[in-house]
Amino acid sequence: KSLHTGIPGQGSRGTNQDDLIMQGTIVSVNYSPSVVTRVYLP
């Protein structure tokens, strides 16, 4: 959940976003990589 998605502690006039990144591993498409998640929509 986020309040300040732009500059910390400041508001802006537009939509912004925050990102959470998973530690990854480079996988060639020859190995058919995929990613799955479950998401709860309130």
All heavy atoms as atom14 arrays in JSON, in Angstrom:
{
  "sequence": "KSLHTGIPGQGSRGTNQDDLIMQGTIVSVNYSPSVVTRVYLP",
  "atom14_mask": [
    [1, 1, 1, 1, 1, 1, 1, 1, 1, 0, 0, 0, 0, 0],
    [1, 1, 1, 1, 1, 1, 0, 0, 0, 0, 0, 0, 0, 0],
    [1, 1, 1, 1, 1, 1, 1, 1, 0, 0, 0, 0, 0, 0],
    [1, 1, 1, 1, 1, 1, 1, 1, 1, 1, 0, 0, 0, 0],
    [1, 1, 1, 1, 1, 1, 1, 0, 0, 0, 0, 0, 0, 0],
    [1, 1, 1, 1, 0, 0, 0, 0, 0, 0, 0, 0, 0, 0],
    [1, 1, 1, 1, 1, 1, 1, 1, 0, 0, 0, 0, 0, 0],
    [1, 1, 1, 1, 1, 1, 1, 0, 0, 0, 0, 0, 0, 0],
    [1, 1, 1, 1, 0, 0, 0, 0, 0, 0, 0, 0, 0, 0],
    [1, 1, 1, 1, 1, 1, 1, 1, 1, 0, 0, 0, 0, 0],
    [1, 1, 1, 1, 0, 0, 0, 0, 0, 0, 0, 0, 0, 0],
    [1, 1, 1, 1, 1, 1, 0, 0, 0, 0, 0, 0, 0, 0],
    [1, 1, 1, 1, 1, 1, 1, 1, 1, 1, 1, 0, 0, 0],
    [1, 1, 1, 1, 0, 0, 0, 0, 0, 0, 0, 0, 0, 0],
    [1, 1, 1, 1, 1, 1, 1, 0, 0, 0, 0, 0, 0, 0],
    [1, 1, 1, 1, 1, 1, 1, 1, 0, 0, 0, 0, 0, 0],
    [1, 1, 1, 1, 1, 1, 1, 1, 1, 0, 0, 0, 0, 0],
    [1, 1, 1, 1, 1, 1, 1, 1, 0, 0, 0, 0, 0, 0],
    [1, 1, 1, 1, 1, 1, 1, 1, 0, 0, 0, 0, 0, 0],
    [1, 1, 1, 1, 1, 1, 1, 1, 0, 0, 0, 0, 0, 0],
    [1, 1, 1, 1, 1, 1, 1, 1, 0, 0, 0, 0, 0, 0],
    [1, 1, 1, 1, 1, 1, 1, 1, 0, 0, 0, 0, 0, 0],
    [1, 1, 1, 1, 1, 1, 1, 1, 1, 0, 0, 0, 0, 0],
    [1, 1, 1, 1, 0, 0, 0, 0, 0, 0, 0, 0, 0, 0],
    [1, 1, 1, 1, 1, 1, 1, 0, 0, 0, 0, 0, 0, 0],
    [1, 1, 1, 1, 1, 1, 1, 1, 0, 0, 0, 0, 0, 0],
    [1, 1, 1, 1, 1, 1, 1, 0, 0, 0, 0, 0, 0, 0],
    [1, 1, 1, 1, 1, 1, 0, 0, 0, 0, 0, 0, 0, 0],
    [1, 1, 1, 1, 1, 1, 1, 0, 0, 0, 0, 0, 0, 0],
    [1, 1, 1, 1, 1, 1, 1, 1, 0, 0, 0, 0, 0, 0],
    [1, 1, 1, 1, 1, 1, 1, 1, 1, 1, 1, 1, 0, 0],
    [1, 1, 1, 1, 1, 1, 0, 0, 0, 0, 0, 0, 0, 0],
    [1, 1, 1, 1, 1, 1, 1, 0, 0, 0, 0, 0, 0, 0],
    [1, 1, 1, 1, 1, 1, 0, 0, 0, 0, 0, 0, 0, 0],
    [1, 1, 1, 1, 1, 1, 1, 0, 0, 0, 0, 0, 0, 0],
    [1, 1, 1, 1, 1, 1, 1, 0, 0, 0, 0, 0, 0, 0],
    [1, 1, 1, 1, 1, 1, 1, 0, 0, 0, 0, 0, 0, 0],
    [1, 1, 1, 1, 1, 1, 1, 1, 1, 1, 1, 0, 0, 0],
    [1, 1, 1, 1, 1, 1, 1, 0, 0, 0, 0, 0, 0, 0],
    [1, 1, 1, 1, 1, 1, 1, 1, 1, 1, 1, 1, 0, 0],
    [1, 1, 1, 1, 1, 1, 1, 1, 0, 0, 0, 0, 0, 0],
    [1, 1, 1, 1, 1, 1, 1, 0, 0, 0, 0, 0, 0, 0]
  ],
  "atom14_positions": [
    [[0.85, -1.19, 0.0], [0.0, 0.0, 0.0], [0.88, 1.23, 0.0], [1.95, 1.24, 0.62], [-0.89, -0.02, 1.24], [-2.0, 1.0, 1.28], [-2.85, 0.77, 2.52], [-4.0, 1.75, 2.61], [-4.84, 1.5, 3.81], [0.0, 0.0, 0.0], [0.0, 0.0, 0.0], [0.0, 0.0, 0.0], [0.0, 0.0, 0.0], [0.0, 0.0, 0.0]],
    [[0.47, 2.29, -0.69], [1.29, 3.5, -0.77], [0.45, 4.76, -0.65], [-0.69, 4.82, -1.09], [2.07, 3.55, -2.09], [3.25, 2.78, -2.03], [0.0, 0.0, 0.0], [0.0, 0.0, 0.0], [0.0, 0.0, 0.0], [0.0, 0.0, 0.0], [0.0, 0.0, 0.0], [0.0, 0.0, 0.0], [0.0, 0.0, 0.0], [0.0, 0.0, 0.0]],
    [[1.07, 5.8, -0.06], [0.51, 7.14, -0.01], [1.31, 8.07, -0.91], [0.76, 8.73, -1.79], [0.52, 7.67, 1.42], [0.01, 9.1, 1.61], [-1.45, 9.21, 1.18], [0.18, 9.54, 3.07], [0.0, 0.0, 0.0], [0.0, 0.0, 0.0], [0.0, 0.0, 0.0], [0.0, 0.0, 0.0], [0.0, 0.0, 0.0], [0.0, 0.0, 0.0]],
    [[2.64, 8.13, -0.69], [3.52, 8.98, -1.49], [4.23, 8.12, -2.53], [5.26, 7.52, -2.26], [4.54, 9.68, -0.6], [3.92, 10.61, 0.4], [3.31, 11.79, 0.05], [3.81, 10.52, 1.75], [2.86, 12.4, 1.13], [3.14, 11.64, 2.18], [0.0, 0.0, 0.0], [0.0, 0.0, 0.0], [0.0, 0.0, 0.0], [0.0, 0.0, 0.0]],
    [[3.66, 8.02, -3.73], [4.28, 7.23, -4.79], [5.27, 8.05, -5.61], [5.94, 7.51, -6.48], [3.21, 6.65, -5.72], [2.32, 7.7, -6.13], [2.41, 5.56, -5.01], [0.0, 0.0, 0.0], [0.0, 0.0, 0.0], [0.0, 0.0, 0.0], [0.0, 0.0, 0.0], [0.0, 0.0, 0.0], [0.0, 0.0, 0.0], [0.0, 0.0, 0.0]],
    [[5.36, 9.33, -5.33], [6.33, 10.2, -6.0], [7.49, 10.5, -5.07], [8.11, 9.59, -4.51], [0.0, 0.0, 0.0], [0.0, 0.0, 0.0], [0.0, 0.0, 0.0], [0.0, 0.0, 0.0], [0.0, 0.0, 0.0], [0.0, 0.0, 0.0], [0.0, 0.0, 0.0], [0.0, 0.0, 0.0], [0.0, 0.0, 0.0], [0.0, 0.0, 0.0]],
    [[7.79, 11.77, -4.88], [8.86, 12.18, -3.98], [8.4, 11.96, -2.54], [7.3, 12.36, -2.18], [9.23, 13.65, -4.21], [9.73, 13.85, -5.64], [10.28, 14.12, -3.21], [9.95, 15.3, -6.02], [0.0, 0.0, 0.0], [0.0, 0.0, 0.0], [0.0, 0.0, 0.0], [0.0, 0.0, 0.0], [0.0, 0.0, 0.0], [0.0, 0.0, 0.0]],
    [[9.21, 11.3, -1.7], [8.8, 11.02, -0.33], [8.34, 12.28, 0.41], [9.01, 13.3, 0.38], [10.08, 10.45, 0.3], [10.84, 9.88, -0.84], [10.56, 10.79, -2.0], [0.0, 0.0, 0.0], [0.0, 0.0, 0.0], [0.0, 0.0, 0.0], [0.0, 0.0, 0.0], [0.0, 0.0, 0.0], [0.0, 0.0, 0.0], [0.0, 0.0, 0.0]],
    [[7.16, 12.18, 1.05], [6.65, 13.28, 1.84], [6.04, 14.41, 1.07], [5.6, 15.4, 1.67], [0.0, 0.0, 0.0], [0.0, 0.0, 0.0], [0.0, 0.0, 0.0], [0.0, 0.0, 0.0], [0.0, 0.0, 0.0], [0.0, 0.0, 0.0], [0.0, 0.0, 0.0], [0.0, 0.0, 0.0], [0.0, 0.0, 0.0], [0.0, 0.0, 0.0]],
    [[5.99, 14.3, -0.24], [5.43, 15.37, -1.06], [4.32, 14.81, -1.95], [4.37, 13.66, -2.37], [6.5, 16.01, -1.95], [7.63, 16.66, -1.19], [8.62, 17.34, -2.12], [8.27, 17.79, -3.21], [9.87, 17.41, -1.7], [0.0, 0.0, 0.0], [0.0, 0.0, 0.0], [0.0, 0.0, 0.0], [0.0, 0.0, 0.0], [0.0, 0.0, 0.0]],
    [[3.36, 15.63, -2.24], [2.33, 15.26, -3.19], [2.67, 15.8, -4.57], [3.58, 16.61, -4.73], [0.0, 0.0, 0.0], [0.0, 0.0, 0.0], [0.0, 0.0, 0.0], [0.0, 0.0, 0.0], [0.0, 0.0, 0.0], [0.0, 0.0, 0.0], [0.0, 0.0, 0.0], [0.0, 0.0, 0.0], [0.0, 0.0, 0.0], [0.0, 0.0, 0.0]],
    [[1.93, 15.34, -5.56], [2.12, 15.84, -6.92], [0.75, 15.98, -7.56], [-0.27, 15.67, -6.96], [3.0, 14.89, -7.74], [2.33, 13.68, -8.0], [0.0, 0.0, 0.0], [0.0, 0.0, 0.0], [0.0, 0.0, 0.0], [0.0, 0.0, 0.0], [0.0, 0.0, 0.0], [0.0, 0.0, 0.0], [0.0, 0.0, 0.0], [0.0, 0.0, 0.0]],
    [[0.73, 16.43, -8.77], [-0.54, 16.64, -9.47], [-0.91, 15.47, -10.37], [-1.89, 15.55, -11.11], [-0.46, 17.92, -10.3], [-0.29, 19.17, -9.45], [-0.3, 20.42, -10.33], [-0.16, 21.63, -9.53], [-0.13, 22.85, -10.04], [-0.25, 23.03, -11.36], [-0.01, 23.91, -9.26], [0.0, 0.0, 0.0], [0.0, 0.0, 0.0], [0.0, 0.0, 0.0]],
    [[-0.13, 14.41, -10.34], [-0.4, 13.29, -11.24], [-0.25, 11.96, -10.56], [0.12, 11.85, -9.39], [0.0, 0.0, 0.0], [0.0, 0.0, 0.0], [0.0, 0.0, 0.0], [0.0, 0.0, 0.0], [0.0, 0.0, 0.0], [0.0, 0.0, 0.0], [0.0, 0.0, 0.0], [0.0, 0.0, 0.0], [0.0, 0.0, 0.0], [0.0, 0.0, 0.0]],
    [[-0.55, 10.92, -11.33], [-0.42, 9.55, -10.84], [1.04, 9.13, -10.86], [1.77, 9.42, -11.8], [-1.23, 8.6, -11.74], [-2.62, 8.94, -11.64], [-1.04, 7.15, -11.31], [0.0, 0.0, 0.0], [0.0, 0.0, 0.0], [0.0, 0.0, 0.0], [0.0, 0.0, 0.0], [0.0, 0.0, 0.0], [0.0, 0.0, 0.0], [0.0, 0.0, 0.0]],
    [[1.47, 8.46, -9.8], [2.81, 7.9, -9.73], [2.73, 6.46, -9.24], [1.65, 5.95, -8.93], [3.71, 8.74, -8.83], [4.24, 9.99, -9.53], [4.81, 9.9, -10.61], [4.04, 11.14, -8.92], [0.0, 0.0, 0.0], [0.0, 0.0, 0.0], [0.0, 0.0, 0.0], [0.0, 0.0, 0.0], [0.0, 0.0, 0.0], [0.0, 0.0, 0.0]],
    [[3.89, 5.81, -9.12], [3.91, 4.4, -8.72], [5.14, 4.08, -7.9], [6.17, 4.77, -7.97], [3.87, 3.49, -9.94], [5.19, 3.44, -10.71], [5.12, 2.59, -11.95], [4.31, 2.86, -12.84], [5.94, 1.56, -12.03], [0.0, 0.0, 0.0], [0.0, 0.0, 0.0], [0.0, 0.0, 0.0], [0.0, 0.0, 0.0], [0.0, 0.0, 0.0]],
    [[5.0, 3.01, -7.11], [6.13, 2.4, -6.42], [6.31, 1.0, -6.98], [5.36, 0.38, -7.48], [5.87, 2.32, -4.91], [5.89, 3.68, -4.24], [6.71, 4.53, -4.66], [5.11, 3.89, -3.29], [0.0, 0.0, 0.0], [0.0, 0.0, 0.0], [0.0, 0.0, 0.0], [0.0, 0.0, 0.0], [0.0, 0.0, 0.0], [0.0, 0.0, 0.0]],
    [[7.54, 0.47, -6.88], [7.86, -0.84, -7.43], [8.49, -1.73, -6.37], [9.34, -1.27, -5.6], [8.85, -0.73, -8.6], [8.34, 0.17, -9.71], [7.12, 0.24, -9.91], [9.17, 0.78, -10.4], [0.0, 0.0, 0.0], [0.0, 0.0, 0.0], [0.0, 0.0, 0.0], [0.0, 0.0, 0.0], [0.0, 0.0, 0.0], [0.0, 0.0, 0.0]],
    [[8.11, -2.99, -6.36], [8.76, -4.0, -5.52], [9.31, -5.07, -6.45], [8.57, -5.69, -7.21], [7.76, -4.61, -4.54], [8.33, -5.66, -3.59], [9.36, -5.04, -2.65], [7.23, -6.36, -2.81], [0.0, 0.0, 0.0], [0.0, 0.0, 0.0], [0.0, 0.0, 0.0], [0.0, 0.0, 0.0], [0.0, 0.0, 0.0], [0.0, 0.0, 0.0]],
    [[10.63, -5.3, -6.38], [11.31, -6.14, -7.36], [11.78, -7.45, -6.72], [12.4, -7.46, -5.65], [12.52, -5.4, -7.95], [12.05, -4.08, -8.59], [13.24, -6.26, -8.99], [13.18, -3.21, -9.07], [0.0, 0.0, 0.0], [0.0, 0.0, 0.0], [0.0, 0.0, 0.0], [0.0, 0.0, 0.0], [0.0, 0.0, 0.0], [0.0, 0.0, 0.0]],
    [[11.5, -8.56, -7.4], [11.96, -9.87, -6.94], [13.37, -10.13, -7.43], [13.7, -9.82, -8.57], [11.02, -10.97, -7.45], [11.42, -12.38, -7.04], [10.32, -13.66, -7.71], [8.99, -13.6, -6.53], [0.0, 0.0, 0.0], [0.0, 0.0, 0.0], [0.0, 0.0, 0.0], [0.0, 0.0, 0.0], [0.0, 0.0, 0.0], [0.0, 0.0, 0.0]],
    [[14.19, -10.7, -6.56], [15.52, -11.12, -7.01], [15.35, -12.13, -8.13], [14.62, -13.12, -7.99], [16.29, -11.78, -5.85], [16.63, -10.82, -4.72], [17.88, -9.98, -5.04], [18.39, -10.02, -6.15], [18.33, -9.22, -4.07], [0.0, 0.0, 0.0], [0.0, 0.0, 0.0], [0.0, 0.0, 0.0], [0.0, 0.0, 0.0], [0.0, 0.0, 0.0]],
    [[15.97, -11.87, -9.26], [15.77, -12.72, -10.42], [17.01, -13.45, -10.85], [18.1, -13.25, -10.33], [0.0, 0.0, 0.0], [0.0, 0.0, 0.0], [0.0, 0.0, 0.0], [0.0, 0.0, 0.0], [0.0, 0.0, 0.0], [0.0, 0.0, 0.0], [0.0, 0.0, 0.0], [0.0, 0.0, 0.0], [0.0, 0.0, 0.0], [0.0, 0.0, 0.0]],
    [[16.83, -14.33, -11.81], [17.91, -15.08, -12.43], [17.69, -15.06, -13.94], [16.58, -15.3, -14.4], [17.93, -16.54, -11.94], [18.14, -16.55, -10.52], [19.05, -17.32, -12.61], [0.0, 0.0, 0.0], [0.0, 0.0, 0.0], [0.0, 0.0, 0.0], [0.0, 0.0, 0.0], [0.0, 0.0, 0.0], [0.0, 0.0, 0.0], [0.0, 0.0, 0.0]],
    [[18.72, -14.77, -14.69], [18.57, -14.74, -16.14], [18.3, -16.16, -16.65], [19.08, -17.08, -16.39], [19.84, -14.17, -16.8], [20.08, -12.73, -16.34], [19.72, -14.21, -18.32], [21.39, -12.15, -16.81], [0.0, 0.0, 0.0], [0.0, 0.0, 0.0], [0.0, 0.0, 0.0], [0.0, 0.0, 0.0], [0.0, 0.0, 0.0], [0.0, 0.0, 0.0]],
    [[17.19, -16.32, -17.36], [16.81, -17.62, -17.91], [16.49, -17.46, -19.39], [15.62, -16.67, -19.76], [15.59, -18.21, -17.18], [15.25, -19.59, -17.75], [15.83, -18.29, -15.68], [0.0, 0.0, 0.0], [0.0, 0.0, 0.0], [0.0, 0.0, 0.0], [0.0, 0.0, 0.0], [0.0, 0.0, 0.0], [0.0, 0.0, 0.0], [0.0, 0.0, 0.0]],
    [[17.19, -18.19, -20.24], [16.93, -18.16, -21.67], [15.52, -18.67, -21.96], [15.01, -19.57, -21.26], [17.96, -19.03, -22.4], [17.56, -19.27, -23.74], [0.0, 0.0, 0.0], [0.0, 0.0, 0.0], [0.0, 0.0, 0.0], [0.0, 0.0, 0.0], [0.0, 0.0, 0.0], [0.0, 0.0, 0.0], [0.0, 0.0, 0.0], [0.0, 0.0, 0.0]],
    [[14.89, -18.12, -23.0], [13.56, -18.61, -23.37], [13.62, -20.05, -23.86], [12.57, -20.71, -23.96], [12.91, -17.71, -24.44], [12.61, -16.33, -23.89], [13.77, -17.62, -25.69], [0.0, 0.0, 0.0], [0.0, 0.0, 0.0], [0.0, 0.0, 0.0], [0.0, 0.0, 0.0], [0.0, 0.0, 0.0], [0.0, 0.0, 0.0], [0.0, 0.0, 0.0]],
    [[14.79, -20.57, -24.15], [14.91, -21.98, -24.51], [14.47, -22.89, -23.37], [14.17, -24.06, -23.58], [16.35, -22.32, -24.9], [16.76, -21.66, -26.2], [15.93, -21.46, -27.08], [18.03, -21.31, -26.33], [0.0, 0.0, 0.0], [0.0, 0.0, 0.0], [0.0, 0.0, 0.0], [0.0, 0.0, 0.0], [0.0, 0.0, 0.0], [0.0, 0.0, 0.0]],
    [[14.44, -22.35, -22.13], [14.01, -23.11, -20.96], [12.58, -22.75, -20.55], [12.15, -23.11, -19.46], [14.97, -22.87, -19.8], [16.36, -23.41, -20.06], [17.34, -22.6, -20.61], [16.67, -24.74, -19.78], [18.61, -23.09, -20.88], [17.94, -25.24, -20.04], [18.91, -24.41, -20.59], [20.17, -24.91, -20.85], [0.0, 0.0, 0.0], [0.0, 0.0, 0.0]],
    [[11.87, -22.05, -21.41], [10.46, -21.7, -21.18], [10.2, -21.15, -19.78], [9.4, -21.72, -19.02], [9.56, -22.91, -21.46], [9.68, -23.32, -22.79], [0.0, 0.0, 0.0], [0.0, 0.0, 0.0], [0.0, 0.0, 0.0], [0.0, 0.0, 0.0], [0.0, 0.0, 0.0], [0.0, 0.0, 0.0], [0.0, 0.0, 0.0], [0.0, 0.0, 0.0]],
    [[10.87, -20.06, -19.38], [10.64, -19.49, -18.05], [9.22, -18.95, -17.92], [8.58, -18.57, -18.91], [11.67, -18.37, -17.98], [11.92, -17.97, -19.4], [11.81, -19.25, -20.19], [0.0, 0.0, 0.0], [0.0, 0.0, 0.0], [0.0, 0.0, 0.0], [0.0, 0.0, 0.0], [0.0, 0.0, 0.0], [0.0, 0.0, 0.0], [0.0, 0.0, 0.0]],
    [[8.74, -18.92, -16.69], [7.42, -18.37, -16.42], [7.37, -17.81, -15.01], [8.26, -18.08, -14.19], [6.34, -19.45, -16.59], [6.47, -20.48, -15.63], [0.0, 0.0, 0.0], [0.0, 0.0, 0.0], [0.0, 0.0, 0.0], [0.0, 0.0, 0.0], [0.0, 0.0, 0.0], [0.0, 0.0, 0.0], [0.0, 0.0, 0.0], [0.0, 0.0, 0.0]],
    [[6.34, -17.05, -14.73], [6.17, -16.47, -13.4], [4.67, -16.49, -13.07], [3.83, -16.29, -13.95], [6.74, -15.03, -13.34], [6.07, -14.12, -14.35], [6.65, -14.46, -11.94], [0.0, 0.0, 0.0], [0.0, 0.0, 0.0], [0.0, 0.0, 0.0], [0.0, 0.0, 0.0], [0.0, 0.0, 0.0], [0.0, 0.0, 0.0], [0.0, 0.0, 0.0]],
    [[4.36, -16.79, -11.81], [2.98, -16.92, -11.35], [2.83, -16.19, -10.03], [3.77, -16.14, -9.22], [2.61, -18.41, -11.13], [1.2, -18.54, -10.55], [2.69, -19.19, -12.42], [0.0, 0.0, 0.0], [0.0, 0.0, 0.0], [0.0, 0.0, 0.0], [0.0, 0.0, 0.0], [0.0, 0.0, 0.0], [0.0, 0.0, 0.0], [0.0, 0.0, 0.0]],
    [[1.66, -15.62, -9.79], [1.35, -15.05, -8.48], [-0.15, -15.15, -8.21], [-0.95, -15.25, -9.14], [1.81, -13.57, -8.37], [1.77, -13.17, -7.01], [0.92, -12.66, -9.22], [0.0, 0.0, 0.0], [0.0, 0.0, 0.0], [0.0, 0.0, 0.0], [0.0, 0.0, 0.0], [0.0, 0.0, 0.0], [0.0, 0.0, 0.0], [0.0, 0.0, 0.0]],
    [[-0.49, -15.13, -6.93], [-1.89, -14.96, -6.53], [-2.05, -13.53, -6.04], [-1.18, -13.01, -5.34], [-2.27, -15.94, -5.42], [-2.78, -17.28, -5.91], [-1.7, -18.15, -6.46], [-2.21, -19.45, -6.93], [-1.44, -20.41, -7.39], [-0.12, -20.25, -7.46], [-1.98, -21.55, -7.8], [0.0, 0.0, 0.0], [0.0, 0.0, 0.0], [0.0, 0.0, 0.0]],
    [[-3.17, -12.91, -6.4], [-3.44, -11.52, -6.02], [-4.85, -11.44, -5.45], [-5.8, -11.95, -6.05], [-3.33, -10.58, -7.24], [-3.57, -9.14, -6.81], [-1.98, -10.71, -7.91], [0.0, 0.0, 0.0], [0.0, 0.0, 0.0], [0.0, 0.0, 0.0], [0.0, 0.0, 0.0], [0.0, 0.0, 0.0], [0.0, 0.0, 0.0], [0.0, 0.0, 0.0]],
    [[-4.96, -10.78, -4.29], [-6.27, -10.59, -3.67], [-6.81, -9.22, -4.04], [-6.2, -8.2, -3.77], [-6.18, -10.71, -2.15], [-7.52, -10.55, -1.47], [-8.45, -11.58, -1.47], [-7.86, -9.35, -0.83], [-9.69, -11.44, -0.86], [-9.09, -9.2, -0.22], [-10.0, -10.25, -0.23], [-11.22, -10.1, 0.37], [0.0, 0.0, 0.0], [0.0, 0.0, 0.0]],
    [[-7.98, -9.21, -4.71], [-8.65, -7.98, -5.1], [-9.74, -7.68, -4.08], [-10.69, -8.45, -3.94], [-9.28, -8.11, -6.49], [-8.37, -7.99, -7.72], [-7.31, -9.08, -7.75], [-9.21, -8.05, -8.99], [0.0, 0.0, 0.0], [0.0, 0.0, 0.0], [0.0, 0.0, 0.0], [0.0, 0.0, 0.0], [0.0, 0.0, 0.0], [0.0, 0.0, 0.0]],
    [[-9.61, -6.56, -3.34], [-10.64, -6.24, -2.35], [-11.95, -5.85, -3.03], [-11.97, -5.59, -4.24], [-10.03, -5.04, -1.6], [-9.09, -4.42, -2.58], [-8.54, -5.55, -3.4], [0.0, 0.0, 0.0], [0.0, 0.0, 0.0], [0.0, 0.0, 0.0], [0.0, 0.0, 0.0], [0.0, 0.0, 0.0], [0.0, 0.0, 0.0], [0.0, 0.0, 0.0]]
  ]
}
